[in-house]
Amino acid sequence: MQTPFSNLGPGAGAAPRQARAAPAYARGHAGGENATGSALRGPLGASAARRPAANFAALDLGTNNCRLLIARPAGPGFRVVDAFSRIVRLGEGLAASGSLSAEAMARTIEALEICADKIALRTVAAGRYVATAACRRAANCGEFLARVRAATGLAIETISSREEARLVVSGCGALLNPRIPYAIVFDIGGGSTEIIWVHLGRGQDGRRPRPRLIGSISLPFGVVTLSDRYGGAEVSPAAYRAMMAEAAAALVPFERTHRILRHVAAGRVQMLGSSGTVTTLAGVHMALPRYTRALVDGSTLTFEQIAVVSAHLAGLDFAGRAANPCVGRERADLVLSGCAILDAICASWPVGRLRVADRGVREGILFDLMQR
């Protein structure tokens, strides 16, 4: 059942609180970039494209990151007018305790207060603010979201893994090749990993085909949960293999149900990754002096390149990984668990290459809002 949208975040007419010291767009990679004014093409219809420009907001509160996008329609897509991203590690320690910790909630509320200020300043016409795996699992999620609303005015809804999968595909579907009929789309998150099996039908009147979800699975682990269990600062080869084996075993039922390998063998499958793991690996592969979304989003990585970068990162200690400008200290203890999950996905379905998407849930929300 669809959860109702929240309209204006902190409330109509609410005066923004005093601005806090924070970057306009800190993506979570070291040296985040300012995305204000950047454009993103997508599946907006003609009626949405003709609508007078108004600001819309999308917030994705994950296990690791708090991300906000504020944008207005522009042609078939939208133009970003403000954005914010901060690593908050909301799900830190959740796997062991079953609850969100006081420290994690405090960090997250601080970031959400900044988001609420930005929403108020931009006079947002409509918004949707969602939480994913950490809030789906935490015993004290209700208490936490009530605190968030009292502190910020933001009404955050906890969405199902199925709705999360739909939003991911909606947000990055424009990067799919319409000439390849099937796609594996995945999002390696902080607390879960979404795997989505998609069919691209024939487009009508020369339009791009709309992706149809055949099936999806939410693996109950992501970069934060695996790092909590196997270690992140120091990862032995045995621990890396164990993480990869756990991920590979979790994919077996999905393959058994959908028989994806037969389509892979016939060359009828493409792969699209939407996550901090694949964008980080793309940045490292390109040897970027700082993470640059415009260079990473839509790029391609071969499986051989993924293996080389993963082995390189696994051979470094924490300080070595942190020194890479596309990893940074905030991801240095998480990147290897993401690499292990990605290795398992690549081994399970040897497509040979994947498209990298620095877009996902937030973009999917914005497309939904702008088509209403």
Protein backbone atom coordinates (compact mmCIF):
# COMPACT_ATOMS: atom_id res chain seq x y z
CA MET A 1 0.00 0.00 0.00
CA GLN A 2 1.36 3.38 -0.98
CA THR A 3 2.19 5.63 1.95
CA PRO A 4 0.87 9.22 1.58
CA PHE A 5 3.32 11.91 0.59
CA SER A 6 4.38 14.58 3.04
CA ASN A 7 3.91 18.00 1.53
CA LEU A 8 5.98 20.85 2.85
CA GLY A 9 8.52 19.41 5.28
CA PRO A 10 8.95 21.93 8.09
CA GLY A 11 5.49 23.42 7.49
CA ALA A 12 4.06 26.21 5.40
CA GLY A 13 5.31 29.61 6.39
CA ALA A 14 7.85 28.25 8.85
CA ALA A 15 10.90 30.46 9.14
CA PRO A 16 14.15 28.57 8.55
CA ARG A 17 16.39 28.13 11.54
CA GLN A 18 19.77 29.79 11.62
CA ALA A 19 21.97 28.27 8.90
CA ARG A 20 24.44 25.68 10.11
CA ALA A 21 27.98 25.24 8.86
CA ALA A 22 27.75 22.52 6.24
CA PRO A 23 28.63 22.14 2.57
CA ALA A 24 25.87 22.77 0.03
CA TYR A 25 26.49 19.34 -1.47
CA ALA A 26 28.73 16.98 0.47
CA ARG A 27 28.18 13.73 -1.35
CA GLY A 28 29.92 11.54 1.20
CA HIS A 29 33.09 11.11 -0.84
CA ALA A 30 36.08 13.11 0.22
CA GLY A 31 35.86 16.54 -1.38
CA GLY A 32 32.15 16.44 -2.23
CA GLU A 33 30.91 18.58 -5.11
CA ASN A 34 28.34 21.33 -5.43
CA ALA A 35 25.58 20.00 -7.66
CA THR A 36 23.38 23.10 -7.70
CA GLY A 37 22.29 23.81 -11.26
CA SER A 38 23.23 20.38 -12.63
CA ALA A 39 20.71 18.77 -14.97
CA LEU A 40 19.51 15.19 -15.11
CA ARG A 41 17.52 13.69 -17.96
CA GLY A 42 14.71 11.32 -17.17
CA PRO A 43 11.27 9.96 -18.06
CA LEU A 44 9.08 13.05 -17.54
CA GLY A 45 6.18 13.28 -19.94
CA ALA A 46 5.21 16.25 -22.09
CA SER A 47 2.65 17.58 -19.56
CA ALA A 48 5.26 17.63 -16.81
CA ALA A 49 7.76 19.32 -19.11
CA ARG A 50 5.24 22.10 -19.88
CA ARG A 51 4.34 22.69 -16.23
CA PRO A 52 5.60 26.00 -14.76
CA ALA A 53 8.81 25.34 -12.84
CA ALA A 54 8.34 24.67 -9.14
CA ASN A 55 10.72 23.19 -6.60
CA PHE A 56 10.30 19.58 -5.46
CA ALA A 57 12.21 17.82 -2.68
CA ALA A 58 13.28 14.22 -2.17
CA LEU A 59 15.02 12.89 0.93
CA ASP A 60 16.49 9.40 1.26
CA LEU A 61 17.48 8.42 4.81
CA GLY A 62 19.49 5.23 4.57
CA THR A 63 21.50 3.13 6.98
CA ASN A 64 24.68 5.04 6.16
CA ASN A 65 23.71 8.28 4.37
CA CYS A 66 21.23 11.11 4.63
CA ARG A 67 20.65 12.56 1.16
CA LEU A 68 18.48 15.43 -0.06
CA LEU A 69 17.75 16.73 -3.56
CA ILE A 70 15.71 19.80 -4.40
CA ALA A 71 14.99 20.24 -8.09
CA ARG A 72 12.63 21.75 -10.64
CA PRO A 73 11.39 20.29 -13.95
CA ALA A 74 13.58 21.00 -17.00
CA GLY A 75 12.65 19.43 -20.33
CA PRO A 76 12.39 15.64 -20.02
CA GLY A 77 14.23 15.65 -16.67
CA PHE A 78 14.99 18.16 -13.94
CA ARG A 79 17.56 20.69 -12.82
CA VAL A 80 18.99 20.44 -9.29
CA VAL A 81 18.70 23.68 -7.33
CA ASP A 82 20.06 22.39 -4.02
CA ALA A 83 21.45 19.15 -2.66
CA PHE A 84 22.93 17.74 0.52
CA SER A 85 24.51 14.46 1.53
CA ARG A 86 26.10 13.42 4.78
CA ILE A 87 27.28 10.08 6.15
CA VAL A 88 25.37 9.67 9.43
CA ARG A 89 25.68 5.89 10.03
CA LEU A 90 22.16 5.67 11.40
CA GLY A 91 22.39 1.86 11.43
CA GLU A 92 25.71 1.64 13.29
CA GLY A 93 25.45 -1.23 15.79
CA LEU A 94 21.86 -2.00 14.75
CA ALA A 95 22.58 -5.61 13.79
CA ALA A 96 23.77 -6.40 17.32
CA SER A 97 21.29 -4.36 19.37
CA GLY A 98 18.16 -4.30 17.22
CA SER A 99 17.75 -0.58 17.96
CA LEU A 100 19.08 2.75 16.75
CA SER A 101 21.69 4.10 19.15
CA ALA A 102 21.38 7.48 20.85
CA GLU A 103 24.56 8.69 19.15
CA ALA A 104 23.39 7.61 15.67
CA MET A 105 20.00 9.26 16.14
CA ALA A 106 21.63 12.52 17.31
CA ARG A 107 23.97 12.58 14.28
CA THR A 108 21.06 11.94 11.95
CA ILE A 109 18.76 14.56 13.45
CA GLU A 110 21.54 17.14 13.10
CA ALA A 111 21.78 16.36 9.38
CA LEU A 112 17.99 16.36 8.99
CA GLU A 113 17.79 19.82 10.57
CA ILE A 114 20.05 21.07 7.77
CA CYS A 115 17.78 19.37 5.23
CA ALA A 116 14.70 21.00 6.78
CA ASP A 117 16.35 24.43 6.58
CA LYS A 118 17.12 23.92 2.89
CA ILE A 119 13.55 22.79 2.15
CA ALA A 120 12.14 25.88 3.90
CA LEU A 121 14.53 28.24 2.14
CA ARG A 122 13.70 26.83 -1.32
CA THR A 123 9.90 27.13 -0.94
CA VAL A 124 9.24 23.53 -1.93
CA ALA A 125 5.87 22.86 -3.57
CA ALA A 126 5.84 19.15 -2.72
CA GLY A 127 8.20 16.61 -1.27
CA ARG A 128 8.56 13.04 -0.21
CA TYR A 129 10.92 12.01 2.58
CA VAL A 130 11.66 8.30 3.02
CA ALA A 131 13.67 5.98 5.26
CA THR A 132 14.87 2.53 4.27
CA ALA A 133 16.60 -0.51 5.80
CA ALA A 134 17.69 0.84 9.20
CA CYS A 135 14.23 2.16 10.02
CA ARG A 136 12.57 -0.98 8.65
CA ARG A 137 14.48 -3.06 11.19
CA ALA A 138 14.92 -0.88 14.27
CA ALA A 139 12.66 -1.60 17.22
CA ASN A 140 12.70 2.08 18.16
CA CYS A 141 12.04 3.43 14.65
CA GLY A 142 8.68 4.95 15.61
CA GLU A 143 10.22 6.81 18.54
CA PHE A 144 13.05 8.06 16.35
CA LEU A 145 10.79 9.34 13.55
CA ALA A 146 8.60 11.12 16.13
CA ARG A 147 11.71 12.85 17.44
CA VAL A 148 12.67 13.81 13.90
CA ARG A 149 9.26 15.37 13.26
CA ALA A 150 9.34 17.29 16.55
CA ALA A 151 12.86 18.61 15.88
CA THR A 152 12.62 19.34 12.15
CA GLY A 153 8.99 19.23 11.00
CA LEU A 154 9.87 16.51 8.49
CA ALA A 155 7.35 13.67 8.24
CA ILE A 156 9.53 10.73 7.16
CA GLU A 157 7.89 7.51 5.99
CA THR A 158 9.53 4.11 6.18
CA ILE A 159 9.14 2.43 2.80
CA SER A 160 9.14 -1.26 1.93
CA SER A 161 12.03 -2.91 0.13
CA ARG A 162 9.73 -3.35 -2.91
CA GLU A 163 9.01 0.38 -3.03
CA GLU A 164 12.71 1.11 -2.60
CA ALA A 165 13.46 -1.14 -5.58
CA ARG A 166 10.83 0.62 -7.69
CA LEU A 167 12.27 4.04 -6.87
CA VAL A 168 15.81 2.92 -7.70
CA VAL A 169 14.75 1.72 -11.15
CA SER A 170 12.67 4.85 -11.75
CA GLY A 171 15.59 7.04 -10.73
CA CYS A 172 18.28 5.46 -12.88
CA GLY A 173 16.27 3.76 -15.63
CA ALA A 174 17.30 6.39 -18.18
CA LEU A 175 20.79 4.85 -18.13
CA LEU A 176 19.53 1.46 -19.34
CA ASN A 177 20.24 0.46 -22.94
CA PRO A 178 16.83 0.08 -24.66
CA ARG A 179 18.29 -2.41 -27.16
CA ILE A 180 19.08 -4.99 -24.45
CA PRO A 181 15.82 -6.58 -23.23
CA TYR A 182 16.73 -7.48 -19.63
CA ALA A 183 18.62 -5.79 -16.83
CA ILE A 184 19.97 -6.57 -13.39
CA VAL A 185 19.76 -3.36 -11.38
CA PHE A 186 21.25 -3.29 -7.91
CA ASP A 187 21.82 -0.89 -5.04
CA ILE A 188 24.37 -1.85 -2.38
CA GLY A 189 23.19 0.16 0.59
CA GLY A 190 24.31 0.48 4.16
CA GLY A 191 21.88 -2.00 5.72
CA SER A 192 20.49 -3.91 2.75
CA THR A 193 21.26 -4.71 -0.87
CA GLU A 194 18.46 -4.43 -3.42
CA ILE A 195 18.63 -6.72 -6.46
CA ILE A 196 16.06 -6.03 -9.18
CA TRP A 197 15.32 -8.08 -12.31
CA VAL A 198 13.89 -5.85 -15.03
CA HIS A 199 12.42 -6.31 -18.50
CA LEU A 200 12.50 -3.48 -21.04
CA GLY A 201 9.51 -3.75 -23.33
CA ARG A 202 9.20 -2.11 -26.70
CA GLY A 203 8.80 1.66 -26.57
CA GLN A 204 5.78 3.18 -28.34
CA ASP A 205 5.88 6.11 -30.79
CA GLY A 206 9.68 6.19 -30.70
CA ARG A 207 9.77 6.57 -26.90
CA ARG A 208 12.17 4.74 -24.63
CA PRO A 209 10.67 1.53 -23.20
CA ARG A 210 9.58 1.76 -19.58
CA PRO A 211 11.39 -0.77 -17.36
CA ARG A 212 9.06 -3.39 -15.87
CA LEU A 213 10.04 -5.02 -12.59
CA ILE A 214 9.87 -8.79 -12.92
CA GLY A 215 11.14 -9.45 -9.41
CA SER A 216 13.28 -8.06 -6.63
CA ILE A 217 15.01 -9.23 -3.49
CA SER A 218 16.32 -7.28 -0.52
CA LEU A 219 19.40 -8.96 0.93
CA PRO A 220 19.51 -8.32 4.70
CA PHE A 221 23.00 -6.81 4.67
CA GLY A 222 24.91 -3.89 3.23
CA VAL A 223 28.25 -2.17 3.74
CA VAL A 224 27.54 -1.09 7.34
CA THR A 225 26.12 -4.38 8.58
CA LEU A 226 28.85 -6.52 6.99
CA SER A 227 31.57 -4.18 8.25
CA ASP A 228 30.08 -4.37 11.76
CA ARG A 229 30.23 -8.18 11.65
CA TYR A 230 33.44 -8.85 9.72
CA GLY A 231 35.45 -5.74 10.49
CA GLY A 232 36.10 -2.79 8.24
CA ALA A 233 39.26 -1.02 9.31
CA GLU A 234 41.24 -4.24 8.94
CA VAL A 235 39.88 -6.90 6.60
CA SER A 236 41.80 -10.16 6.23
CA PRO A 237 41.64 -12.16 2.99
CA ALA A 238 39.63 -14.79 4.88
CA ALA A 239 37.09 -12.20 6.06
CA TYR A 240 36.76 -10.83 2.54
CA ARG A 241 36.12 -14.31 1.15
CA ALA A 242 33.55 -14.96 3.88
CA MET A 243 31.64 -11.77 3.04
CA MET A 244 31.67 -12.64 -0.64
CA ALA A 245 30.49 -16.20 0.06
CA GLU A 246 27.62 -14.95 2.26
CA ALA A 247 26.48 -12.57 -0.46
CA ALA A 248 26.77 -15.21 -3.20
CA ALA A 249 24.72 -17.70 -1.17
CA ALA A 250 21.98 -15.12 -0.64
CA LEU A 251 21.67 -14.64 -4.42
CA VAL A 252 21.08 -18.32 -5.21
CA PRO A 253 17.29 -18.34 -4.54
CA PHE A 254 16.79 -15.29 -6.77
CA GLU A 255 18.67 -16.98 -9.63
CA ARG A 256 16.71 -20.18 -9.08
CA THR A 257 13.41 -18.30 -9.30
CA HIS A 258 14.17 -16.16 -12.36
CA ARG A 259 16.81 -18.25 -14.24
CA ILE A 260 18.75 -15.13 -15.14
CA LEU A 261 21.89 -17.01 -16.22
CA ARG A 262 20.22 -18.38 -19.36
CA HIS A 263 19.56 -14.81 -20.52
CA VAL A 264 23.12 -13.79 -19.61
CA ALA A 265 24.46 -16.63 -21.74
CA ALA A 266 22.35 -15.38 -24.66
CA GLY A 267 23.73 -11.84 -24.33
CA ARG A 268 20.30 -10.44 -23.40
CA VAL A 269 21.21 -8.91 -20.03
CA GLN A 270 22.78 -5.62 -18.99
CA MET A 271 23.82 -4.61 -15.47
CA LEU A 272 23.32 -1.26 -13.75
CA GLY A 273 24.73 -0.44 -10.32
CA SER A 274 23.35 2.39 -8.19
CA SER A 275 25.37 2.68 -5.00
CA GLY A 276 28.28 4.31 -3.27
CA THR A 277 30.31 1.17 -3.88
CA VAL A 278 30.16 1.29 -7.69
CA THR A 279 30.57 5.07 -7.86
CA THR A 280 33.58 4.87 -5.54
CA LEU A 281 35.18 2.11 -7.63
CA ALA A 282 34.56 4.10 -10.80
CA GLY A 283 36.26 7.15 -9.28
CA VAL A 284 39.23 5.07 -8.13
CA HIS A 285 39.50 3.40 -11.55
CA MET A 286 39.56 6.82 -13.25
CA ALA A 287 42.22 8.03 -10.77
CA LEU A 288 40.16 11.17 -10.16
CA PRO A 289 41.89 13.79 -7.99
CA ARG A 290 38.49 14.33 -6.38
CA TYR A 291 35.14 12.64 -6.84
CA THR A 292 33.29 14.26 -9.74
CA ARG A 293 29.72 13.12 -10.31
CA ALA A 294 29.60 14.33 -13.92
CA LEU A 295 32.46 11.98 -14.83
CA VAL A 296 31.20 8.98 -12.87
CA ASP A 297 27.45 8.93 -13.51
CA GLY A 298 26.77 6.94 -16.68
CA SER A 299 30.30 5.57 -16.96
CA THR A 300 31.05 1.89 -17.57
CA LEU A 301 33.21 -0.57 -15.64
CA THR A 302 34.22 -3.95 -17.00
CA PHE A 303 34.30 -6.83 -14.56
CA GLU A 304 38.06 -7.03 -15.08
CA GLN A 305 38.41 -3.39 -14.04
CA ILE A 306 36.23 -4.02 -10.99
CA ALA A 307 38.43 -6.96 -9.98
CA VAL A 308 41.61 -4.89 -10.36
CA VAL A 309 40.29 -1.97 -8.29
CA SER A 310 38.84 -4.27 -5.60
CA ALA A 311 42.14 -6.15 -5.29
CA HIS A 312 44.03 -2.85 -5.10
CA LEU A 313 41.81 -1.55 -2.28
CA ALA A 314 41.95 -4.88 -0.44
CA GLY A 315 45.74 -4.69 -0.52
CA LEU A 316 45.76 -1.33 1.28
CA ASP A 317 45.47 -0.70 4.98
CA PHE A 318 42.88 1.70 6.41
CA ALA A 319 45.17 4.72 5.99
CA GLY A 320 45.92 3.79 2.41
CA ARG A 321 42.24 3.51 1.51
CA ALA A 322 41.42 6.75 3.35
CA ALA A 323 44.12 8.57 1.39
CA ASN A 324 42.33 7.91 -1.90
CA PRO A 325 40.28 11.04 -2.69
CA CYS A 326 37.37 8.97 -3.99
CA VAL A 327 37.20 6.91 -0.78
CA GLY A 328 38.15 9.18 2.11
CA ARG A 329 38.13 8.41 5.84
CA GLU A 330 34.33 8.15 6.04
CA ARG A 331 34.22 5.23 3.59
CA ALA A 332 37.59 3.62 4.23
CA ASP A 333 36.13 1.05 6.65
CA LEU A 334 33.08 0.33 4.46
CA VAL A 335 34.41 0.07 0.92
CA LEU A 336 35.75 -3.50 1.15
CA SER A 337 32.45 -4.97 2.32
CA GLY A 338 30.84 -3.25 -0.68
CA CYS A 339 33.51 -4.72 -2.96
CA ALA A 340 32.79 -8.21 -1.59
CA ILE A 341 29.07 -7.85 -2.30
CA LEU A 342 29.79 -6.52 -5.79
CA ASP A 343 32.21 -9.38 -6.47
CA ALA A 344 29.44 -11.83 -5.55
CA ILE A 345 26.96 -10.13 -7.89
CA CYS A 346 29.46 -10.20 -10.76
CA ALA A 347 30.34 -13.85 -10.13
CA SER A 348 26.67 -14.86 -9.99
CA TRP A 349 25.78 -13.17 -13.28
CA PRO A 350 28.87 -12.76 -15.52
CA VAL A 351 27.49 -10.03 -17.76
CA GLY A 352 31.03 -8.69 -18.21
CA ARG A 353 30.42 -4.97 -17.63
CA LEU A 354 28.15 -2.67 -15.70
CA ARG A 355 26.85 0.88 -16.06
CA VAL A 356 27.50 3.14 -13.07
CA ALA A 357 24.66 5.30 -11.74
CA ASP A 358 25.16 8.14 -9.30
CA ARG A 359 21.40 8.39 -8.94
CA GLY A 360 18.64 6.27 -7.42
CA VAL A 361 15.90 6.66 -4.81
CA ARG A 362 15.88 10.48 -4.64
CA GLU A 363 15.72 10.84 -8.40
CA GLY A 364 12.92 8.26 -8.54
CA ILE A 365 10.95 10.28 -5.98
CA LEU A 366 11.44 13.48 -7.96
CA PHE A 367 10.22 11.92 -11.20
CA ASP A 368 7.13 10.64 -9.35
CA LEU A 369 6.37 14.07 -7.87
CA MET A 370 6.88 15.92 -11.16
CA GLN A 371 4.54 13.57 -13.05
CA ARG A 372 1.64 14.11 -10.64
